[in-house]
Amino acid sequence: MTSSIRGRNALFISVFFLLFFVVLLGASLRASAAPYAAMVIDARTGEVLHSRNANTRLHPASLTKMMTLYVVFQAVEHGEIGLDTKVKISKRSANEVPSKLGLKAGQRIELRYLIRAAAVKSANDAATALAEAISGSEARFARRMNRTAKSLGMTRTTFKNAHGLTADGHLSTAADMTTLGRHLFYDYPEYYNLFSRRSTDAKIRTVYNTNRKFLAAYKGADGIKTGYTRAAGSNLVASAERGNVRIITTVFGASGSAARNAKVAELMDMGFKRAPRHAQIRKPKLPVYAGNDTSPVGAKTIRVATAVQKSVRPVARPGGAVRVAVASNPALKTGIEEAIEMARSVVAPASENNSSQVAPKDSALPKPRPPKLDFTAQKPIAYAQDSGVVVTRASSSGGHHWGINVGTYPSRYKAERVLLKTALKEMATLDGALRKVTAGNKGHDAKFVGMSQEQADLACRRLEARGAECTTFGPS
């Protein structure tokens, strides 16, 4: 009987401790669960349609890569680096933890494939490689991310790395990430389509979108970015368009991807119900260009608060190139000589009436501008814009009647953006060409005009080699 009592006591004690540990485990899980936050906005106006804990600083996880990519797009636009630039992969990049593209230390890969891997696969090794390619080190790139975030109005965000893996102080908010998502859509529409691709070629292999289930399930969804770590929970910034309405929704701290997608879909539906059917688009202002910080990590910026004592005059521009151009072009020479003669006729009377005041031979003062310059020897070429403004350009030869078409786009804004991007990337052959947008039945044609046939052919060959669309057209 004693042994029976002892057995029951042992069983009771075992059950007690088992229940005790279950309670402790449940409390631990609740304590470690990521806080929930959400925001819904009308992307056209920026109006907030729903907000919950939206300004609470939380772990953004791979939503961080939205800023990484924003900075990369900015660097490409400003000519710091090209999409075809081959990036050498460092040991640090290659050793990042998954999710990964599978980069190897020492290999070289084009920037465009790193962008695709970071945007679609959310590859950590690609994100670090992008950071090092732009700023030389991830630490410097993180400082640039923070400067860019501040210029975008993301006041409660601090980045410590380019990939979003948990780090002390690496925090953001649902409100700030929603702001960033809106800027990505409006500031870089030519790159935004990356976020809607279910899969893409990243050179090493085909990668699949971490957000493909939501993109497939929710009508009108076309981006933007997922994120998950144990500390952050399951995060998503999503954008969807139906008719004239575009909604951006952000969720932090969901328990898993299925729960996250369901919650985002619920909030999206709420947004489409609350947003007005028609609203005037008010695009966000472009941020101040941050650029790279060349000072070493940890260095302090010293500002000298003293008045400028001396203004350095710029060195006079050499005239050799102008003289060569004039000597090789009789028509241009004739026009310039007529202009100079006209200028002399304007200045001469003042000199004759005040002969006692003779200007020094090398006077720094500019000569009076003639009231009218009439280059009658030159034949102007005029190109009428759709807005009614006529742009003219002086041409010294009759062969600059060719141009190139770099695509047809649904809006004038998109066509103008493509023209600007193309001009920056292909300055060697498009320098001097005029950008022109022509409205047609199929959309807005983006064109460069005022080129010779040789220039047009060369520009198209170079653009097509980069995978860009391009066709030439002549005077007819």
Protein backbone atom coordinates (compact mmCIF):
# COMPACT_ATOMS: atom_id res chain seq x y z
CA MET A 1 0.00 0.00 0.00
CA THR A 2 2.88 2.31 0.80
CA SER A 3 4.39 1.70 -2.64
CA SER A 4 1.02 2.48 -4.22
CA ILE A 5 0.84 5.81 -2.38
CA ARG A 6 4.38 6.63 -3.41
CA GLY A 7 3.52 5.84 -7.05
CA ARG A 8 0.52 8.15 -6.98
CA ASN A 9 2.61 10.93 -5.42
CA ALA A 10 5.29 10.53 -8.06
CA LEU A 11 2.66 10.66 -10.79
CA PHE A 12 1.11 13.78 -9.24
CA ILE A 13 4.49 15.50 -9.03
CA SER A 14 5.30 14.61 -12.66
CA VAL A 15 1.98 15.97 -13.91
CA PHE A 16 2.45 19.12 -11.83
CA PHE A 17 5.88 19.85 -13.30
CA LEU A 18 4.64 19.05 -16.81
CA LEU A 19 1.83 21.57 -16.47
CA PHE A 20 4.23 24.06 -14.96
CA PHE A 21 6.58 23.82 -17.95
CA VAL A 22 3.66 24.09 -20.41
CA VAL A 23 2.56 27.33 -18.73
CA LEU A 24 6.11 28.68 -18.82
CA LEU A 25 6.48 27.75 -22.50
CA GLY A 26 3.21 29.46 -23.37
CA ALA A 27 4.25 32.60 -21.51
CA SER A 28 7.62 32.54 -23.26
CA LEU A 29 6.01 32.21 -26.67
CA ARG A 30 3.63 35.07 -25.92
CA ALA A 31 6.50 37.23 -24.71
CA SER A 32 8.56 36.54 -27.84
CA ALA A 33 5.67 37.06 -30.28
CA ALA A 34 6.32 40.11 -32.45
CA PRO A 35 4.03 43.12 -31.81
CA TYR A 36 1.37 43.80 -34.45
CA ALA A 37 1.24 47.02 -36.46
CA ALA A 38 -0.52 48.06 -39.64
CA MET A 39 -1.16 50.99 -41.95
CA VAL A 40 -3.33 51.46 -45.06
CA ILE A 41 -3.08 54.49 -47.35
CA ASP A 42 -4.51 55.76 -50.61
CA ALA A 43 -1.35 55.74 -52.73
CA ARG A 44 -2.65 58.50 -55.01
CA THR A 45 -2.87 61.09 -52.25
CA GLY A 46 -1.03 59.59 -49.29
CA GLU A 47 -4.22 59.78 -47.17
CA VAL A 48 -4.20 57.37 -44.22
CA LEU A 49 -7.22 55.05 -44.33
CA HIS A 50 -6.29 52.82 -41.37
CA SER A 51 -3.58 52.84 -38.73
CA ARG A 52 -2.72 50.67 -35.74
CA ASN A 53 0.55 50.95 -33.82
CA ALA A 54 1.88 52.48 -37.06
CA ASN A 55 4.55 54.58 -35.31
CA THR A 56 5.83 51.80 -33.04
CA ARG A 57 9.48 51.00 -33.77
CA LEU A 58 9.72 47.31 -34.71
CA HIS A 59 12.02 44.93 -36.56
CA PRO A 60 11.46 45.40 -40.32
CA ALA A 61 13.25 42.17 -41.40
CA SER A 62 13.64 42.01 -45.19
CA LEU A 63 11.43 45.04 -45.74
CA THR A 64 14.85 46.66 -45.28
CA LYS A 65 15.69 45.63 -48.84
CA MET A 66 13.14 48.16 -50.11
CA MET A 67 15.52 50.89 -48.95
CA THR A 68 18.56 48.98 -50.22
CA LEU A 69 16.99 48.85 -53.68
CA TYR A 70 15.80 52.47 -53.52
CA VAL A 71 19.39 53.62 -52.90
CA VAL A 72 20.66 51.38 -55.72
CA PHE A 73 18.07 52.78 -58.16
CA GLN A 74 19.12 56.28 -57.09
CA ALA A 75 22.79 55.46 -57.69
CA VAL A 76 22.05 54.10 -61.18
CA GLU A 77 19.98 57.17 -62.05
CA HIS A 78 22.79 59.51 -61.00
CA GLY A 79 25.42 57.62 -62.97
CA GLU A 80 27.34 56.23 -59.97
CA ILE A 81 27.09 52.70 -61.36
CA GLY A 82 25.56 50.92 -64.34
CA LEU A 83 23.17 47.99 -64.54
CA ASP A 84 25.79 46.07 -66.52
CA THR A 85 28.61 46.83 -64.09
CA LYS A 86 30.19 43.57 -62.92
CA VAL A 87 30.35 43.41 -59.14
CA LYS A 88 33.06 41.32 -57.45
CA ILE A 89 31.59 39.28 -54.61
CA SER A 90 33.31 39.54 -51.24
CA LYS A 91 33.64 36.80 -48.61
CA ARG A 92 31.27 38.79 -46.40
CA SER A 93 28.56 38.77 -49.07
CA ALA A 94 29.05 35.10 -49.94
CA ASN A 95 28.85 34.08 -46.26
CA GLU A 96 25.49 35.74 -45.50
CA VAL A 97 22.85 33.39 -44.10
CA PRO A 98 19.80 32.36 -46.20
CA SER A 99 17.77 33.38 -48.01
CA LYS A 100 20.57 33.43 -50.61
CA LEU A 101 21.20 33.50 -54.32
CA GLY A 102 24.29 31.34 -53.85
CA LEU A 103 27.06 33.79 -54.68
CA LYS A 104 30.69 32.67 -54.38
CA ALA A 105 33.54 34.81 -53.08
CA GLY A 106 35.59 36.21 -55.94
CA GLN A 107 33.01 35.73 -58.68
CA ARG A 108 31.76 38.66 -60.75
CA ILE A 109 28.13 39.24 -61.59
CA GLU A 110 26.25 42.10 -63.25
CA LEU A 111 24.47 44.56 -60.98
CA ARG A 112 21.09 43.90 -62.65
CA TYR A 113 21.09 40.27 -61.45
CA LEU A 114 21.86 41.30 -57.88
CA ILE A 115 18.92 43.71 -58.03
CA ARG A 116 16.61 40.95 -59.26
CA ALA A 117 17.76 38.52 -56.58
CA ALA A 118 17.29 41.08 -53.78
CA ALA A 119 13.87 42.25 -55.01
CA VAL A 120 12.34 38.87 -55.92
CA LYS A 121 14.18 36.21 -53.92
CA SER A 122 15.01 38.56 -51.00
CA ALA A 123 18.55 37.23 -51.17
CA ASN A 124 20.75 38.43 -48.31
CA ASP A 125 24.02 37.79 -50.14
CA ALA A 126 22.80 39.90 -53.08
CA ALA A 127 21.77 42.75 -50.75
CA THR A 128 25.19 42.88 -49.10
CA ALA A 129 26.91 42.74 -52.50
CA LEU A 130 24.80 45.69 -53.68
CA ALA A 131 25.74 47.67 -50.58
CA GLU A 132 29.45 47.06 -51.09
CA ALA A 133 29.22 47.86 -54.81
CA ILE A 134 27.59 51.25 -54.15
CA SER A 135 29.39 52.45 -51.02
CA GLY A 136 32.45 50.23 -50.63
CA SER A 137 31.26 48.69 -47.36
CA GLU A 138 27.96 47.73 -45.77
CA ALA A 139 28.58 50.13 -42.86
CA ARG A 140 28.92 53.13 -45.20
CA PHE A 141 25.91 51.96 -47.18
CA ALA A 142 23.83 51.76 -44.00
CA ARG A 143 24.74 55.38 -43.24
CA ARG A 144 23.59 56.32 -46.72
CA MET A 145 20.36 54.38 -46.16
CA ASN A 146 19.72 56.43 -43.03
CA ARG A 147 20.39 59.72 -44.80
CA THR A 148 18.03 58.73 -47.59
CA ALA A 149 15.38 57.61 -45.09
CA LYS A 150 15.56 60.99 -43.38
CA SER A 151 15.17 62.82 -46.69
CA LEU A 152 12.06 60.70 -47.43
CA GLY A 153 10.49 61.67 -44.10
CA MET A 154 11.05 58.29 -42.43
CA THR A 155 11.66 59.84 -39.02
CA ARG A 156 11.53 56.71 -36.85
CA THR A 157 13.73 54.39 -38.90
CA THR A 158 17.35 53.35 -38.27
CA PHE A 159 19.16 50.90 -40.54
CA LYS A 160 22.23 48.92 -39.49
CA ASN A 161 22.57 46.65 -42.52
CA ALA A 162 21.34 46.17 -46.09
CA HIS A 163 19.49 42.86 -45.72
CA GLY A 164 17.33 43.26 -42.62
CA LEU A 165 18.61 40.43 -40.44
CA THR A 166 18.02 41.27 -36.78
CA ALA A 167 20.55 43.72 -35.35
CA ASP A 168 20.54 45.92 -32.27
CA GLY A 169 18.92 49.25 -33.17
CA HIS A 170 17.84 48.14 -36.67
CA LEU A 171 14.22 49.33 -36.42
CA SER A 172 11.45 50.90 -38.46
CA THR A 173 7.68 51.46 -38.33
CA ALA A 174 4.65 50.52 -40.40
CA ALA A 175 4.18 54.21 -41.22
CA ASP A 176 7.77 54.66 -42.44
CA MET A 177 7.73 51.50 -44.55
CA THR A 178 4.45 52.59 -46.13
CA THR A 179 6.07 55.89 -47.03
CA LEU A 180 8.99 54.05 -48.59
CA GLY A 181 6.69 51.80 -50.58
CA ARG A 182 4.88 54.82 -52.02
CA HIS A 183 8.17 56.45 -53.02
CA LEU A 184 9.35 53.27 -54.73
CA PHE A 185 6.19 53.22 -56.84
CA TYR A 186 6.25 56.89 -57.86
CA ASP A 187 9.98 57.67 -57.89
CA TYR A 188 11.13 54.59 -59.84
CA PRO A 189 8.20 53.30 -61.92
CA GLU A 190 10.61 51.81 -64.48
CA TYR A 191 11.94 49.43 -61.82
CA TYR A 192 8.73 48.80 -59.89
CA ASN A 193 7.68 45.92 -62.15
CA LEU A 194 10.44 43.84 -60.53
CA PHE A 195 8.31 43.43 -57.41
CA SER A 196 5.42 41.87 -59.34
CA ARG A 197 7.46 39.15 -61.08
CA ARG A 198 6.57 35.65 -59.89
CA SER A 199 10.03 34.52 -61.02
CA THR A 200 13.05 36.01 -62.75
CA ASP A 201 16.44 35.12 -64.19
CA ALA A 202 19.23 35.95 -61.72
CA LYS A 203 21.97 34.53 -63.99
CA ILE A 204 23.09 31.88 -61.51
CA ARG A 205 19.57 30.45 -61.44
CA THR A 206 15.92 31.31 -61.73
CA VAL A 207 14.57 32.75 -58.48
CA TYR A 208 10.97 32.79 -57.28
CA ASN A 209 9.12 35.61 -55.57
CA THR A 210 8.69 35.30 -51.82
CA ASN A 211 5.36 37.12 -52.26
CA ARG A 212 4.02 35.03 -55.16
CA LYS A 213 1.11 33.53 -53.19
CA PHE A 214 -0.34 36.93 -52.37
CA LEU A 215 0.31 38.21 -55.90
CA ALA A 216 -1.60 35.23 -57.30
CA ALA A 217 -4.45 35.34 -54.78
CA TYR A 218 -5.31 39.04 -54.52
CA LYS A 219 -6.81 40.81 -57.51
CA GLY A 220 -4.76 43.81 -58.63
CA ALA A 221 -1.74 43.06 -56.41
CA ASP A 222 1.59 43.97 -58.04
CA GLY A 223 4.12 44.21 -55.15
CA ILE A 224 5.96 45.05 -53.00
CA LYS A 225 8.06 43.17 -50.40
CA THR A 226 7.89 40.49 -47.71
CA GLY A 227 10.00 40.10 -44.59
CA TYR A 228 10.40 37.50 -41.87
CA THR A 229 12.63 36.91 -38.87
CA ARG A 230 11.80 35.35 -35.51
CA ALA A 231 12.07 38.76 -33.84
CA ALA A 232 9.98 40.55 -36.47
CA GLY A 233 7.31 38.00 -37.26
CA SER A 234 5.90 37.94 -40.77
CA ASN A 235 5.86 41.38 -42.43
CA LEU A 236 4.55 42.62 -45.78
CA VAL A 237 4.25 45.89 -47.64
CA ALA A 238 1.74 45.29 -50.44
CA SER A 239 0.37 47.43 -53.24
CA ALA A 240 -2.68 46.77 -55.40
CA GLU A 241 -4.60 48.70 -58.04
CA ARG A 242 -8.23 48.39 -59.06
CA GLY A 243 -9.61 50.82 -61.59
CA ASN A 244 -8.37 54.29 -60.70
CA VAL A 245 -7.58 53.41 -57.09
CA ARG A 246 -4.24 52.19 -55.72
CA ILE A 247 -3.88 51.07 -52.11
CA ILE A 248 -0.68 50.41 -50.15
CA THR A 249 -0.97 48.24 -47.02
CA THR A 250 1.70 47.38 -44.47
CA VAL A 251 1.50 44.69 -41.79
CA PHE A 252 4.13 43.96 -39.13
CA GLY A 253 4.21 41.00 -36.75
CA ALA A 254 1.86 38.40 -38.29
CA SER A 255 2.25 34.86 -36.97
CA GLY A 256 3.01 33.38 -40.40
CA SER A 257 2.76 33.99 -44.13
CA ALA A 258 -0.80 32.63 -44.41
CA ALA A 259 -2.07 34.79 -41.53
CA ARG A 260 -0.14 37.76 -42.93
CA ASN A 261 -1.62 37.39 -46.42
CA ALA A 262 -5.13 37.03 -45.00
CA LYS A 263 -4.73 40.16 -42.86
CA VAL A 264 -3.29 42.20 -45.72
CA ALA A 265 -6.16 41.10 -48.00
CA GLU A 266 -8.66 42.15 -45.32
CA LEU A 267 -7.02 45.57 -44.94
CA MET A 268 -6.75 45.99 -48.71
CA ASP A 269 -10.49 45.40 -49.06
CA MET A 270 -11.09 47.98 -46.33
CA GLY A 271 -8.87 50.44 -48.18
CA PHE A 272 -10.64 50.04 -51.51
CA LYS A 273 -14.01 50.58 -49.76
CA ARG A 274 -12.85 53.72 -47.94
CA ALA A 275 -10.85 55.36 -50.73
CA PRO A 276 -12.73 57.74 -53.06
CA ARG A 277 -13.28 56.41 -56.55
CA HIS A 278 -11.67 59.46 -58.11
CA ALA A 279 -8.86 61.47 -56.57
CA GLN A 280 -6.20 63.79 -57.93
CA ILE A 281 -2.78 62.16 -57.83
CA ARG A 282 -0.35 64.02 -55.59
CA LYS A 283 3.02 62.39 -56.08
CA PRO A 284 5.47 62.54 -53.19
CA LYS A 285 8.38 64.94 -53.56
CA LEU A 286 11.67 63.47 -54.70
CA PRO A 287 14.16 63.37 -51.83
CA VAL A 288 17.40 65.27 -51.68
CA TYR A 289 20.14 63.21 -53.32
CA ALA A 290 22.13 61.73 -50.42
CA GLY A 291 25.16 60.32 -52.25
CA ASN A 292 28.00 58.46 -50.58
CA ASP A 293 29.71 59.55 -47.38
CA THR A 294 33.43 59.30 -48.03
CA SER A 295 34.49 59.84 -44.42
CA PRO A 296 35.66 56.73 -42.51
CA VAL A 297 33.23 54.83 -40.32
CA GLY A 298 32.94 56.45 -36.91
CA ALA A 299 34.44 59.75 -38.03
CA LYS A 300 32.84 62.98 -36.89
CA THR A 301 31.77 65.75 -39.22
CA ILE A 302 33.33 69.09 -38.26
CA ARG A 303 31.53 72.20 -39.47
CA VAL A 304 33.52 75.45 -39.57
CA ALA A 305 31.28 78.39 -38.74
CA THR A 306 33.40 81.18 -40.20
CA ALA A 307 32.76 83.59 -43.00
CA VAL A 308 34.29 82.96 -46.40
CA GLN A 309 37.33 85.18 -46.73
CA LYS A 310 38.06 84.70 -50.40
CA SER A 311 36.03 83.72 -53.43
CA VAL A 312 38.04 81.78 -55.98
CA ARG A 313 37.41 82.89 -59.55
CA PRO A 314 36.93 80.08 -62.04
CA VAL A 315 39.62 79.53 -64.63
CA ALA A 316 38.72 80.97 -68.01
CA ARG A 317 37.26 78.41 -70.40
CA PRO A 318 39.68 77.53 -73.21
CA GLY A 319 38.56 78.61 -76.65
CA GLY A 320 40.56 76.07 -78.66
CA ALA A 321 37.63 73.73 -79.23
CA VAL A 322 35.41 76.61 -80.35
CA ARG A 323 38.03 77.86 -82.82
CA VAL A 324 38.40 74.40 -84.32
CA ALA A 325 34.64 74.06 -84.72
CA VAL A 326 34.37 77.47 -86.39
CA ALA A 327 37.33 76.83 -88.69
CA SER A 328 35.79 73.57 -89.90
CA ASN A 329 32.36 75.13 -90.52
CA PRO A 330 32.29 78.18 -92.87
CA ALA A 331 28.57 78.73 -92.34
CA LEU A 332 28.94 78.85 -88.57
CA LYS A 333 31.97 81.14 -88.96
CA THR A 334 29.96 83.57 -91.10
CA GLY A 335 27.13 83.69 -88.56
CA ILE A 336 29.47 84.32 -85.64
CA GLU A 337 31.34 87.05 -87.54
CA GLU A 338 28.03 88.80 -88.24
CA ALA A 339 27.13 88.58 -84.55
CA ILE A 340 30.50 90.00 -83.50
CA GLU A 341 30.17 92.84 -85.99
CA MET A 342 26.72 93.63 -84.66
CA ALA A 343 28.04 93.65 -81.10
CA ARG A 344 30.80 96.07 -82.08
CA SER A 345 28.29 98.40 -83.67
CA VAL A 346 26.35 98.51 -80.42
CA VAL A 347 29.40 99.07 -78.20
CA ALA A 348 31.26 101.53 -80.49
CA PRO A 349 29.14 104.71 -79.91
CA ALA A 350 29.65 104.53 -76.14
CA SER A 351 33.43 104.26 -76.63
CA GLU A 352 33.56 107.20 -79.05
CA ASN A 353 31.55 109.49 -76.75
CA ASN A 354 33.78 108.72 -73.75
CA SER A 355 37.25 108.24 -75.21
CA SER A 356 38.94 109.16 -71.95
CA GLN A 357 37.68 105.96 -70.29
CA VAL A 358 39.56 103.16 -71.98
CA ALA A 359 38.99 99.63 -70.66
CA PRO A 360 42.07 97.51 -69.98
CA LYS A 361 42.99 95.02 -72.64
CA ASP A 362 42.32 92.01 -70.38
CA SER A 363 39.30 93.46 -68.56
CA ALA A 364 37.40 90.89 -66.47
CA LEU A 365 34.12 92.76 -67.07
CA PRO A 366 31.85 91.11 -69.66
CA LYS A 367 31.15 92.99 -72.85
CA PRO A 368 27.58 94.23 -73.37
CA ARG A 369 25.34 91.63 -74.98
CA PRO A 370 24.05 92.59 -78.45
CA PRO A 371 20.29 93.08 -78.55
CA LYS A 372 19.81 90.50 -81.28
CA LEU A 373 21.81 87.73 -82.85
CA ASP A 374 20.65 86.72 -86.32
CA PHE A 375 22.39 83.58 -87.54
CA THR A 376 20.90 83.75 -91.01
CA ALA A 377 23.57 81.44 -92.41
CA GLN A 378 22.33 78.57 -90.26
CA LYS A 379 19.30 76.46 -90.97
CA PRO A 380 17.18 75.76 -87.88
CA ILE A 381 15.54 72.39 -87.37
CA ALA A 382 12.27 72.62 -85.46
CA TYR A 383 10.48 69.85 -83.59
CA ALA A 384 6.96 70.54 -82.36
CA GLN A 385 6.12 69.13 -78.95
CA ASP A 386 2.64 67.85 -78.08
CA SER A 387 2.31 70.66 -75.56
CA GLY A 388 2.42 73.20 -78.37
CA VAL A 389 5.91 74.42 -77.57
CA VAL A 390 8.31 74.36 -80.50
CA VAL A 391 11.91 73.47 -79.69
CA THR A 392 14.51 74.52 -82.21
CA ARG A 393 18.12 73.57 -82.51
CA ALA A 394 20.72 75.13 -84.77
CA SER A 395 22.21 72.60 -87.16
CA SER A 396 25.23 73.21 -89.32
CA SER A 397 24.50 70.26 -91.59
CA GLY A 398 21.48 68.93 -93.33
CA GLY A 399 21.85 65.35 -92.15
CA HIS A 400 20.43 65.59 -88.61
CA HIS A 401 16.90 64.52 -89.53
CA TRP A 402 17.07 61.04 -88.02
CA GLY A 403 15.95 59.75 -84.64
CA ILE A 404 15.27 56.68 -82.52
CA ASN A 405 12.18 55.37 -80.73
CA VAL A 406 12.82 53.71 -77.37
CA GLY A 407 9.31 52.46 -76.71
CA THR A 408 5.63 53.27 -76.29
CA TYR A 409 4.29 53.92 -72.79
CA PRO A 410 0.83 54.39 -71.25
CA SER A 411 1.51 57.92 -69.99
CA ARG A 412 3.61 60.95 -70.89
CA TYR A 413 5.24 60.80 -67.46
CA LYS A 414 6.51 57.25 -67.97
CA ALA A 415 7.77 58.09 -71.46
CA GLU A 416 9.65 61.14 -70.17
CA ARG A 417 11.19 59.09 -67.35
CA VAL A 418 12.43 56.48 -69.82
CA LEU A 419 13.91 59.20 -72.04
CA LEU A 420 15.77 60.69 -69.10
CA LYS A 421 17.08 57.31 -67.97
CA THR A 422 18.16 56.40 -71.48
CA ALA A 423 19.93 59.74 -71.97
CA LEU A 424 21.88 59.26 -68.74
CA LYS A 425 22.91 55.70 -69.61
CA GLU A 426 23.86 56.40 -73.22
CA MET A 427 25.41 59.86 -73.08
CA ALA A 428 28.13 58.96 -75.58
CA THR A 429 25.74 58.67 -78.53
CA LEU A 430 22.72 60.68 -77.37
CA ASP A 431 24.56 63.84 -76.33
CA GLY A 432 22.97 66.71 -78.26
CA ALA A 433 19.85 64.77 -79.29
CA LEU A 434 16.46 66.17 -78.30
CA ARG A 435 13.98 64.20 -76.19
CA LYS A 436 10.46 64.12 -77.63
CA VAL A 437 7.20 62.47 -76.52
CA THR A 438 4.53 61.91 -79.17
CA ALA A 439 0.98 60.83 -78.29
CA GLY A 440 -0.53 58.16 -80.51
CA ASN A 441 -3.33 55.59 -80.59
CA LYS A 442 -1.26 53.00 -78.74
CA GLY A 443 0.22 55.35 -76.14
CA HIS A 444 3.08 57.82 -75.84
CA ASP A 445 6.16 57.25 -78.01
CA ALA A 446 9.50 58.12 -76.39
CA LYS A 447 11.88 59.46 -79.05
CA PHE A 448 15.27 61.08 -79.49
CA VAL A 449 15.41 63.37 -82.55
CA GLY A 450 17.90 65.64 -84.30
CA MET A 451 20.45 62.91 -85.03
CA SER A 452 22.39 61.82 -88.08
CA GLN A 453 21.70 58.41 -89.53
CA GLU A 454 25.04 57.14 -88.24
CA GLN A 455 24.32 58.43 -84.72
CA ALA A 456 20.86 56.83 -84.71
CA ASP A 457 22.16 53.46 -85.92
CA LEU A 458 24.99 53.45 -83.35
CA ALA A 459 22.70 54.46 -80.47
CA CYS A 460 20.24 51.68 -81.30
CA ARG A 461 22.97 49.07 -81.55
CA ARG A 462 24.33 50.07 -78.13
CA LEU A 463 20.89 50.16 -76.51
CA GLU A 464 19.83 46.82 -78.01
CA ALA A 465 23.06 45.28 -76.73
CA ARG A 466 21.84 46.20 -73.25
CA GLY A 467 18.46 44.59 -73.89
CA ALA A 468 16.61 47.88 -74.42
CA GLU A 469 13.95 48.44 -77.08
CA CYS A 470 15.07 50.73 -79.92
CA THR A 471 14.10 51.46 -83.55
CA THR A 472 15.48 54.12 -85.91
CA PHE A 473 13.44 56.39 -88.17
CA GLY A 474 14.41 58.80 -90.93
CA PRO A 475 13.20 62.10 -92.39
CA SER A 476 10.18 60.47 -94.01
